[in-house]
Amino acid sequence: MFKKVLQSISKSLSRQTEAPTPAPAPRPSNTFNAPPPPAAKAGQVAGIVAAKSSAPKTPEGLLGIEPKMSKEQIREHLKLMYRRYNRAASSLDNNTRSEADSMLEAIVAVREKHFGQI
């Protein structure tokens, strides 16, 4: 393992010391001329527009709970989400901690809705 790490480090250092080589000129293609891909706009990744968070989602939507899920599937999914966000609630990063707190509140709301008071 140490040998692989050492090889990786030496490769990265040798790449940094070498002068960058110019990219080869593009070859003309004899195939059809496809239009160039559209430039990505802000908030857009590979043609997919990022969802706007203007409308608040329901707790079920935030957690990925679907109406066709059985009670046992919901229970298992909530258990997984609780483990994930309970760990994140003790993070030192304020953004991570606030997101985890809101998700834990959503978990409680869904649990009370489907399984009664805690």
Protein backbone atom coordinates (compact mmCIF):
# COMPACT_ATOMS: atom_id res chain seq x y z
CA MET A 1 0.00 0.00 0.00
CA PHE A 2 2.80 2.40 0.92
CA LYS A 3 4.49 1.65 -2.40
CA LYS A 4 1.34 2.62 -4.33
CA VAL A 5 0.98 5.86 -2.38
CA LEU A 6 4.62 6.72 -2.98
CA GLN A 7 4.24 6.01 -6.72
CA SER A 8 1.15 8.18 -6.90
CA ILE A 9 2.88 11.07 -5.16
CA SER A 10 5.95 10.81 -7.36
CA LYS A 11 3.78 10.79 -10.51
CA SER A 12 1.88 13.89 -9.41
CA LEU A 13 5.13 15.70 -8.55
CA SER A 14 6.70 14.79 -11.90
CA ARG A 15 3.61 16.12 -13.72
CA GLN A 16 3.86 19.42 -11.87
CA THR A 17 7.52 19.95 -12.80
CA GLU A 18 7.07 19.15 -16.50
CA ALA A 19 6.19 22.00 -18.87
CA PRO A 20 2.64 21.75 -20.15
CA THR A 21 2.47 20.50 -23.71
CA PRO A 22 0.17 22.27 -26.15
CA ALA A 23 -3.00 20.44 -27.03
CA PRO A 24 -3.07 18.94 -30.53
CA ALA A 25 -5.07 20.84 -33.11
CA PRO A 26 -8.56 19.42 -33.67
CA ARG A 27 -8.85 17.24 -36.73
CA PRO A 28 -11.52 18.12 -39.26
CA SER A 29 -14.16 15.47 -39.26
CA ASN A 30 -15.84 14.19 -42.38
CA THR A 31 -18.97 13.27 -40.46
CA PHE A 32 -22.00 15.50 -40.12
CA ASN A 33 -21.47 18.84 -38.48
CA ALA A 34 -23.22 18.67 -35.15
CA PRO A 35 -24.00 21.96 -33.45
CA PRO A 36 -21.79 22.73 -30.48
CA PRO A 37 -23.30 21.97 -27.08
CA PRO A 38 -25.03 24.93 -25.48
CA ALA A 39 -23.06 26.79 -22.86
CA ALA A 40 -24.00 25.92 -19.31
CA LYS A 41 -25.81 28.70 -17.49
CA ALA A 42 -25.51 29.45 -13.81
CA GLY A 43 -27.30 26.74 -11.82
CA GLN A 44 -27.23 24.33 -14.73
CA VAL A 45 -25.20 21.15 -14.89
CA ALA A 46 -24.98 19.18 -18.14
CA GLY A 47 -28.32 20.45 -19.39
CA ILE A 48 -30.14 19.81 -16.14
CA VAL A 49 -31.47 22.89 -14.45
CA ALA A 50 -30.98 22.97 -10.70
CA ALA A 51 -34.24 22.90 -8.78
CA LYS A 52 -35.27 26.18 -7.25
CA SER A 53 -36.03 26.03 -3.56
CA SER A 54 -38.62 28.81 -3.70
CA ALA A 55 -41.54 26.54 -2.75
CA PRO A 56 -41.07 24.68 0.54
CA LYS A 57 -41.20 20.92 0.18
CA THR A 58 -43.22 18.65 2.38
CA PRO A 59 -41.36 16.52 4.93
CA GLU A 60 -42.11 13.44 2.83
CA GLY A 61 -40.62 15.12 -0.23
CA LEU A 62 -37.49 16.13 1.65
CA LEU A 63 -36.94 12.59 2.93
CA GLY A 64 -37.82 10.79 -0.30
CA ILE A 65 -40.92 9.06 1.11
CA GLU A 66 -43.27 8.00 -1.66
CA PRO A 67 -46.99 7.25 -1.25
CA LYS A 68 -46.54 3.70 -2.59
CA MET A 69 -44.11 2.76 0.21
CA SER A 70 -45.33 0.32 2.84
CA LYS A 71 -45.18 1.11 6.56
CA GLU A 72 -42.15 -1.15 6.98
CA GLN A 73 -40.31 0.54 4.09
CA ILE A 74 -41.08 3.95 5.59
CA ARG A 75 -39.84 2.78 8.99
CA GLU A 76 -36.56 1.47 7.52
CA HIS A 77 -36.04 4.61 5.43
CA LEU A 78 -36.67 6.85 8.44
CA LYS A 79 -34.22 4.79 10.48
CA LEU A 80 -31.54 5.26 7.81
CA MET A 81 -32.22 9.00 7.51
CA TYR A 82 -32.16 9.43 11.29
CA ARG A 83 -28.76 7.76 11.54
CA ARG A 84 -27.37 9.93 8.77
CA TYR A 85 -28.66 13.28 10.01
CA ASN A 86 -28.22 12.59 13.73
CA ARG A 87 -24.49 12.23 13.07
CA ALA A 88 -24.46 15.40 11.00
CA ALA A 89 -26.26 17.34 13.75
CA SER A 90 -23.07 17.37 15.81
CA SER A 91 -20.96 18.77 12.97
CA LEU A 92 -18.80 21.82 13.49
CA ASP A 93 -19.94 23.24 10.13
CA ASN A 94 -22.93 25.56 10.64
CA ASN A 95 -24.51 24.77 7.25
CA THR A 96 -24.31 21.02 7.77
CA ARG A 97 -25.66 21.30 11.30
CA SER A 98 -28.62 23.51 10.30
CA GLU A 99 -29.50 21.20 7.39
CA ALA A 100 -29.34 18.21 9.71
CA ASP A 101 -31.59 19.92 12.25
CA SER A 102 -34.24 20.68 9.63
CA MET A 103 -34.08 17.11 8.33
CA LEU A 104 -34.43 15.71 11.86
CA GLU A 105 -37.54 17.86 12.30
CA ALA A 106 -38.90 16.45 9.01
CA ILE A 107 -38.18 12.91 10.23
CA VAL A 108 -40.16 13.57 13.42
CA ALA A 109 -43.07 15.04 11.44
CA VAL A 110 -43.25 12.04 9.08
CA ARG A 111 -42.91 9.57 11.94
CA GLU A 112 -45.74 11.21 13.89
CA LYS A 113 -47.92 11.32 10.78
CA HIS A 114 -47.47 7.65 9.90
CA PHE A 115 -46.92 6.02 13.29
CA GLY A 116 -48.59 8.30 15.86
CA GLN A 117 -47.11 10.35 18.66
CA ILE A 118 -43.62 9.47 19.78
